[in-house]
């Protein structure tokens, strides 16, 4: 039996590996109060990408198939750990979501569909009304059964940082055997259609940056190409973000003004109502709100609405929630920061 502990320190450096199957609950920028579900081999980072901006990249074991890596928690072990955690916290927390995210790419798991089915069933028992979400880098969507499994989730947050092969290889640094970006994009379209048919929602997440050699996925040429792809994919939402702090000298983050400019250029293809900007640890900011102010009037530090601030600053645990956000605002973020 795999050891698991629900305790998790959200104030720790995000370059540390999550060793438990469940971690949290934590405050998520996107989803509210969430419980994390790490279905990767305990204490190891296994992924199909070694993204330039990921603090875990020095620890990542690149893999294309689950059999290349041992130690995967079985679906029944994941279910047992999740049930135990949900039972333990159910009296104290009302979860908004359970999220498959952790040390790498969850679609590598050999029993992904069984894990999602078990999670969905347990959530119906312990936290009805909470959403099941999966974060993926999109690289394995073309693999048989992956889109079908992901359609069990209520939300899928799928990475799409680049639509040109050169930028994709430079930013996401995929496994050498993953060579065809076109198949990744084609599979993302199929996922969008499948989720829509199942009543679920696709969120495309794009991290914008400038590489040390001057190339950028925020260039005018690339943004035009990205707009064409997003117009075909038709995501429910597009989340544009920047790394909170550089983890290497290989890139630099865009300014907030540049981020808003890209969002405005994509708005015709995606729709202004569907684009959100993620800056630091604040909640996603609707482009519609910033667009009304103009790109030149981006606040120096975007703030939550007064209503959201009240939720954070009043009630049980208020000081802890505010301390978490204050500390996270000074720390680098990676895929564990959701």
Protein backbone atom coordinates (compact mmCIF):
# COMPACT_ATOMS: atom_id res chain seq x y z
CA UNK A 1 0.00 0.00 0.00
CA UNK A 2 1.37 3.43 -0.94
CA UNK A 3 1.80 5.84 1.92
CA UNK A 4 -0.21 9.01 1.53
CA UNK A 5 -0.63 12.10 3.62
CA UNK A 6 -3.14 14.83 2.93
CA UNK A 7 -0.97 17.50 4.50
CA UNK A 8 0.65 19.96 2.09
CA UNK A 9 2.40 23.27 2.72
CA UNK A 10 1.25 25.82 0.13
CA UNK A 11 3.92 28.24 1.32
CA UNK A 12 6.80 25.94 0.38
CA UNK A 13 8.93 26.51 -2.71
CA UNK A 14 7.07 25.19 -5.75
CA UNK A 15 10.20 23.48 -7.06
CA UNK A 16 9.63 20.83 -4.38
CA UNK A 17 8.00 17.58 -5.43
CA UNK A 18 4.59 16.56 -4.09
CA UNK A 19 4.99 13.14 -2.46
CA UNK A 20 1.41 12.44 -1.41
CA UNK A 21 -1.46 11.23 -3.58
CA UNK A 22 -3.74 13.92 -2.15
CA UNK A 23 -2.67 17.41 -1.12
CA UNK A 24 -4.54 20.45 0.12
CA UNK A 25 -7.11 21.85 0.36
CA UNK A 26 -5.57 24.97 -1.21
CA UNK A 27 -6.96 28.19 -2.64
CA UNK A 28 -6.82 27.97 -6.45
CA UNK A 29 -6.70 31.04 -8.64
CA UNK A 30 -9.06 29.41 -11.11
CA UNK A 31 -11.27 27.04 -9.17
CA UNK A 32 -11.68 28.21 -5.57
CA UNK A 33 -11.03 25.76 -2.72
CA UNK A 34 -9.52 22.65 -4.25
CA UNK A 35 -8.08 19.29 -3.24
CA UNK A 36 -5.12 18.23 -5.36
CA UNK A 37 -4.79 14.69 -6.67
CA UNK A 38 -1.26 13.66 -7.64
CA UNK A 39 -1.40 10.41 -9.63
CA UNK A 40 2.28 10.41 -10.61
CA UNK A 41 4.86 8.05 -9.03
CA UNK A 42 5.36 9.43 -5.50
CA UNK A 43 8.17 11.94 -5.16
CA UNK A 44 9.05 11.87 -8.86
CA UNK A 45 8.37 14.33 -11.68
CA UNK A 46 7.38 12.47 -14.84
CA UNK A 47 6.32 14.41 -17.92
CA UNK A 48 6.35 14.48 -21.71
CA UNK A 49 7.60 18.10 -21.62
CA UNK A 50 10.44 19.88 -19.84
CA UNK A 51 9.02 23.39 -20.13
CA UNK A 52 11.49 26.27 -19.99
CA UNK A 53 9.46 28.04 -17.29
CA UNK A 54 8.69 25.07 -15.01
CA UNK A 55 10.52 25.06 -11.66
CA UNK A 56 10.34 21.25 -11.70
CA UNK A 57 12.20 20.98 -15.02
CA UNK A 58 15.57 20.01 -13.47
CA UNK A 59 13.83 17.05 -11.78
CA UNK A 60 11.67 15.95 -14.71
CA UNK A 61 12.02 12.43 -16.08
CA UNK A 62 10.95 12.61 -19.71
CA UNK A 63 8.70 9.69 -20.64
CA UNK A 64 6.39 8.85 -23.50
CA UNK A 65 4.73 5.70 -22.13
CA UNK A 66 3.88 4.64 -18.57
CA UNK A 67 5.92 1.44 -18.83
CA UNK A 68 9.08 3.55 -19.14
CA UNK A 69 8.61 4.58 -15.51
CA UNK A 70 7.77 2.39 -12.52
CA UNK A 71 5.92 3.14 -9.32
CA UNK A 72 2.58 4.38 -10.65
CA UNK A 73 -0.12 4.32 -7.94
CA UNK A 74 -2.86 1.90 -8.99
CA UNK A 75 -6.36 3.24 -9.58
CA UNK A 76 -7.65 1.48 -6.46
CA UNK A 77 -4.85 3.01 -4.37
CA UNK A 78 -5.69 6.47 -5.67
CA UNK A 79 -9.38 5.86 -4.90
CA UNK A 80 -8.58 4.66 -1.37
CA UNK A 81 -6.38 7.70 -0.66
CA UNK A 82 -8.99 10.08 -2.07
CA UNK A 83 -11.84 8.48 -0.10
CA UNK A 84 -9.84 8.65 3.13
CA UNK A 85 -8.96 12.31 2.58
CA UNK A 86 -12.47 13.38 1.55
CA UNK A 87 -13.94 11.61 4.56
CA UNK A 88 -11.45 13.34 6.84
CA UNK A 89 -11.92 16.88 5.56
CA UNK A 90 -15.61 16.73 4.69
CA UNK A 91 -16.70 18.16 8.05
CA UNK A 92 -14.35 21.13 7.84
CA UNK A 93 -14.21 22.19 4.17
CA UNK A 94 -16.68 22.64 1.34
CA UNK A 95 -14.61 21.90 -1.74
CA UNK A 96 -15.16 23.67 -5.04
CA UNK A 97 -13.11 21.14 -7.00
CA UNK A 98 -10.87 18.09 -6.99
CA UNK A 99 -8.00 18.59 -9.41
CA UNK A 100 -5.72 16.07 -11.10
CA UNK A 101 -2.44 17.93 -11.04
CA UNK A 102 0.94 17.20 -9.56
CA UNK A 103 4.45 16.24 -10.56
CA UNK A 104 4.03 15.95 -14.31
CA UNK A 105 1.56 14.90 -16.98
CA UNK A 106 -1.48 12.99 -15.61
CA UNK A 107 -2.49 11.54 -19.00
CA UNK A 108 0.60 9.33 -18.78
CA UNK A 109 -1.11 7.30 -16.05
CA UNK A 110 -1.88 3.77 -17.30
CA UNK A 111 -5.33 3.74 -15.62
CA UNK A 112 -6.42 7.31 -16.28
CA UNK A 113 -10.05 6.47 -17.08
CA UNK A 114 -10.44 4.28 -13.98
CA UNK A 115 -8.91 7.02 -11.80
CA UNK A 116 -11.33 9.62 -13.15
CA UNK A 117 -14.34 7.32 -12.84
CA UNK A 118 -13.47 6.54 -9.22
CA UNK A 119 -12.85 10.22 -8.41
CA UNK A 120 -16.18 11.22 -9.94
CA UNK A 121 -18.03 8.55 -7.96
CA UNK A 122 -16.35 9.48 -4.66
CA UNK A 123 -17.04 13.17 -5.20
CA UNK A 124 -20.71 12.35 -5.66
CA UNK A 125 -20.63 10.70 -2.23
CA UNK A 126 -18.52 13.17 -0.25
CA UNK A 127 -18.65 16.53 -2.04
CA UNK A 128 -21.60 16.68 -4.43
CA UNK A 129 -21.54 19.85 -6.45
CA UNK A 130 -17.74 20.06 -6.53
CA UNK A 131 -16.13 19.97 -9.98
CA UNK A 132 -13.61 17.44 -11.25
CA UNK A 133 -10.79 19.13 -13.18
CA UNK A 134 -7.69 17.89 -15.00
CA UNK A 135 -4.64 19.92 -16.01
CA UNK A 136 -2.82 18.54 -19.07
CA UNK A 137 -0.06 19.72 -21.39
CA UNK A 138 -2.08 18.31 -24.35
CA UNK A 139 0.80 16.21 -25.69
CA UNK A 140 -0.93 12.81 -25.38
CA UNK A 141 -4.46 13.76 -26.46
CA UNK A 142 -4.06 11.77 -29.68
CA UNK A 143 -3.38 8.56 -27.72
CA UNK A 144 -6.23 6.07 -27.74
CA UNK A 145 -8.62 6.47 -24.84
CA UNK A 146 -7.23 9.75 -23.49
CA UNK A 147 -9.93 12.07 -24.88
CA UNK A 148 -12.62 9.60 -23.78
CA UNK A 149 -11.18 9.52 -20.25
CA UNK A 150 -10.85 13.30 -19.99
CA UNK A 151 -14.49 13.70 -21.00
CA UNK A 152 -15.41 12.35 -17.54
CA UNK A 153 -14.06 15.58 -16.02
CA UNK A 154 -16.10 18.76 -15.65
CA UNK A 155 -13.16 20.93 -16.69
CA UNK A 156 -9.99 20.23 -18.64
CA UNK A 157 -7.30 22.93 -18.56
CA UNK A 158 -5.10 22.18 -21.59
CA UNK A 159 -1.78 23.82 -22.35
CA UNK A 160 -1.14 25.40 -25.75
CA UNK A 161 1.91 27.67 -25.55
CA UNK A 162 2.93 27.55 -29.20
CA UNK A 163 1.48 26.69 -32.60
CA UNK A 164 4.78 26.81 -34.49
CA UNK A 165 7.07 23.80 -34.22
CA UNK A 166 10.16 25.92 -33.56
CA UNK A 167 8.63 27.80 -30.63
CA UNK A 168 6.99 24.63 -29.29
CA UNK A 169 10.35 22.85 -29.18
CA UNK A 170 12.08 25.85 -27.59
CA UNK A 171 9.43 26.61 -24.95
CA UNK A 172 7.93 23.21 -24.08
CA UNK A 173 10.97 21.04 -24.95
CA UNK A 174 8.98 17.86 -25.65
CA UNK A 175 10.14 14.25 -25.43
CA UNK A 176 12.31 13.56 -28.52
CA UNK A 177 9.74 11.07 -29.85
CA UNK A 178 6.97 13.70 -29.85
CA UNK A 179 7.65 15.36 -33.17
CA UNK A 180 4.31 16.37 -34.66
CA UNK A 181 2.74 19.49 -33.20
CA UNK A 182 -0.01 19.31 -35.81
CA UNK A 183 -1.35 16.07 -34.32
CA UNK A 184 -1.37 17.70 -30.85
CA UNK A 185 -3.45 20.60 -32.17
CA UNK A 186 -5.76 18.28 -34.10
CA UNK A 187 -6.35 16.21 -30.95
CA UNK A 188 -7.08 19.39 -28.99
CA UNK A 189 -9.89 20.13 -31.46
CA UNK A 190 -11.30 16.63 -30.89
CA UNK A 191 -11.10 17.09 -27.13
CA UNK A 192 -13.01 20.36 -27.38
CA UNK A 193 -15.79 18.67 -29.35
CA UNK A 194 -15.89 15.68 -27.01
CA UNK A 195 -16.08 17.83 -23.87
CA UNK A 196 -18.79 19.98 -25.40
CA UNK A 197 -20.83 16.88 -26.22
CA UNK A 198 -20.44 15.63 -22.64
CA UNK A 199 -21.48 18.96 -21.12
CA UNK A 200 -17.93 19.62 -19.89
CA UNK A 201 -15.68 22.62 -20.56
CA UNK A 202 -12.27 23.13 -22.15
CA UNK A 203 -9.99 25.88 -20.89
CA UNK A 204 -6.91 26.53 -23.03
CA UNK A 205 -3.97 27.88 -21.02
CA UNK A 206 -1.18 29.78 -22.78
CA UNK A 207 1.95 30.96 -20.98
CA UNK A 208 3.54 33.90 -22.79
CA UNK A 209 7.25 34.70 -22.65
CA UNK A 210 10.30 35.94 -24.54
CA UNK A 211 13.18 33.55 -25.14
CA UNK A 212 16.77 34.63 -24.58
CA UNK A 213 17.43 34.51 -28.34
CA UNK A 214 14.71 37.10 -28.97
CA UNK A 215 11.95 34.78 -30.16
CA UNK A 216 8.56 35.06 -28.47
CA UNK A 217 5.18 33.38 -28.63
CA UNK A 218 3.78 36.90 -28.23
CA UNK A 219 5.16 38.07 -31.58
CA UNK A 220 2.67 39.49 -34.04
CA UNK A 221 3.21 36.59 -36.46
CA UNK A 222 2.74 33.91 -33.82
CA UNK A 223 -0.30 35.57 -32.26
CA UNK A 224 -1.99 35.64 -35.68
CA UNK A 225 -1.29 31.90 -36.09
CA UNK A 226 -2.47 31.20 -32.54
CA UNK A 227 -5.69 33.09 -33.24
CA UNK A 228 -6.42 30.88 -36.25
CA UNK A 229 -5.91 27.71 -34.20
CA UNK A 230 -8.02 28.95 -31.28
CA UNK A 231 -10.80 29.89 -33.67
CA UNK A 232 -10.93 26.23 -34.75
CA UNK A 233 -10.54 24.76 -31.25
CA UNK A 234 -13.32 26.94 -29.78
CA UNK A 235 -12.39 26.69 -26.08
CA UNK A 236 -14.88 27.68 -23.41
CA UNK A 237 -12.20 29.99 -22.01
CA UNK A 238 -8.67 31.09 -22.88
CA UNK A 239 -6.34 31.83 -19.96
CA UNK A 240 -3.26 33.92 -20.76
CA UNK A 241 -0.54 34.02 -18.15
CA UNK A 242 3.13 34.71 -17.54
CA UNK A 243 5.57 32.88 -15.24
CA UNK A 244 5.50 34.65 -11.89
CA UNK A 245 9.29 34.67 -11.63
CA UNK A 246 12.04 33.47 -14.00
CA UNK A 247 13.44 30.06 -13.09
CA UNK A 248 16.32 30.31 -15.59
CA UNK A 249 18.09 32.75 -17.87
CA UNK A 250 16.49 31.10 -20.92
CA UNK A 251 13.53 33.48 -21.00
CA UNK A 252 11.90 36.58 -19.57
CA UNK A 253 8.25 37.16 -18.82
CA UNK A 254 6.07 39.63 -20.66
CA UNK A 255 4.99 42.81 -18.96
CA UNK A 256 1.35 43.10 -17.94
CA UNK A 257 0.82 45.67 -20.70
CA UNK A 258 2.21 43.26 -23.30
CA UNK A 259 0.00 40.48 -21.93
CA UNK A 260 -3.12 42.61 -22.30
CA UNK A 261 -2.05 43.61 -25.82
CA UNK A 262 -1.85 39.93 -26.86
CA UNK A 263 -5.24 39.28 -25.28
CA UNK A 264 -6.80 42.13 -27.24
CA UNK A 265 -5.28 40.82 -30.48
CA UNK A 266 -6.77 37.37 -29.80
CA UNK A 267 -10.19 38.66 -28.81
CA UNK A 268 -11.62 38.69 -32.33
CA UNK A 269 -10.87 34.98 -32.79
CA UNK A 270 -11.84 33.81 -29.31
CA UNK A 271 -14.30 36.42 -28.09
CA UNK A 272 -13.54 39.02 -25.45
CA UNK A 273 -15.92 37.37 -22.98
CA UNK A 274 -13.86 34.15 -23.07
CA UNK A 275 -10.38 35.54 -22.45
CA UNK A 276 -8.96 35.83 -18.94
CA UNK A 277 -5.60 37.11 -17.77
CA UNK A 278 -3.76 35.51 -14.86
CA UNK A 279 -1.22 37.75 -13.15
CA UNK A 280 0.47 36.64 -9.96
CA UNK A 281 -1.89 35.01 -7.48
CA UNK A 282 -4.96 37.08 -8.28
CA UNK A 283 -8.11 35.49 -9.64
CA UNK A 284 -8.41 35.40 -13.46
CA UNK A 285 -9.15 38.91 -14.73
CA UNK A 286 -11.71 39.11 -17.57
CA UNK A 287 -10.31 40.82 -20.66
CA UNK A 288 -13.70 42.47 -21.03
CA UNK A 289 -12.95 44.43 -17.85
CA UNK A 290 -9.44 45.44 -18.90
CA UNK A 291 -10.48 46.07 -22.49
CA UNK A 292 -12.96 48.67 -21.30
CA UNK A 293 -10.10 50.47 -19.51
CA UNK A 294 -7.69 50.21 -22.44
CA UNK A 295 -4.37 48.36 -22.61
CA UNK A 296 -2.49 51.42 -21.38
CA UNK A 297 -4.47 51.53 -18.13
CA UNK A 298 -3.61 48.13 -16.69
CA UNK A 299 -3.43 48.48 -12.90
CA UNK A 300 0.06 48.12 -11.41
CA UNK A 301 -1.24 45.16 -9.40
CA UNK A 302 -4.66 43.85 -10.46
CA UNK A 303 -6.93 43.33 -7.47
CA UNK A 304 -9.77 41.01 -6.70
CA UNK A 305 -13.28 42.42 -6.59
CA UNK A 306 -14.46 43.85 -3.27
CA UNK A 307 -16.81 40.89 -2.87
CA UNK A 308 -13.96 38.41 -3.41
CA UNK A 309 -11.73 40.31 -0.99
CA UNK A 310 -14.45 40.06 1.65
CA UNK A 311 -14.57 36.30 1.19
CA UNK A 312 -10.81 36.15 1.74
CA UNK A 313 -10.61 38.56 4.66
CA UNK A 314 -13.63 37.55 6.72
CA UNK A 315 -14.68 34.34 8.42
CA UNK A 316 -12.83 31.33 9.77
CA UNK A 317 -9.25 31.03 8.53
CA UNK A 318 -9.16 34.53 7.01
CA UNK A 319 -5.69 35.43 8.27
CA UNK A 320 -4.29 32.14 6.99
CA UNK A 321 -5.82 32.65 3.53
CA UNK A 322 -4.41 36.15 3.26
CA UNK A 323 -0.98 34.99 4.44
CA UNK A 324 -0.99 32.23 1.82
CA UNK A 325 -1.74 34.73 -0.94
CA UNK A 326 0.82 37.24 0.34
CA UNK A 327 3.58 34.64 0.45
CA UNK A 328 2.65 33.05 -2.89
CA UNK A 329 2.81 36.50 -4.49
CA UNK A 330 6.55 36.52 -3.76
CA UNK A 331 7.24 32.97 -4.93
CA UNK A 332 7.73 31.39 -8.30
CA UNK A 333 4.83 29.38 -9.68
CA UNK A 334 4.58 26.20 -11.69
CA UNK A 335 1.89 23.71 -12.65
CA UNK A 336 1.19 23.02 -8.96
CA UNK A 337 0.00 26.63 -8.61
CA UNK A 338 -3.48 26.39 -10.07
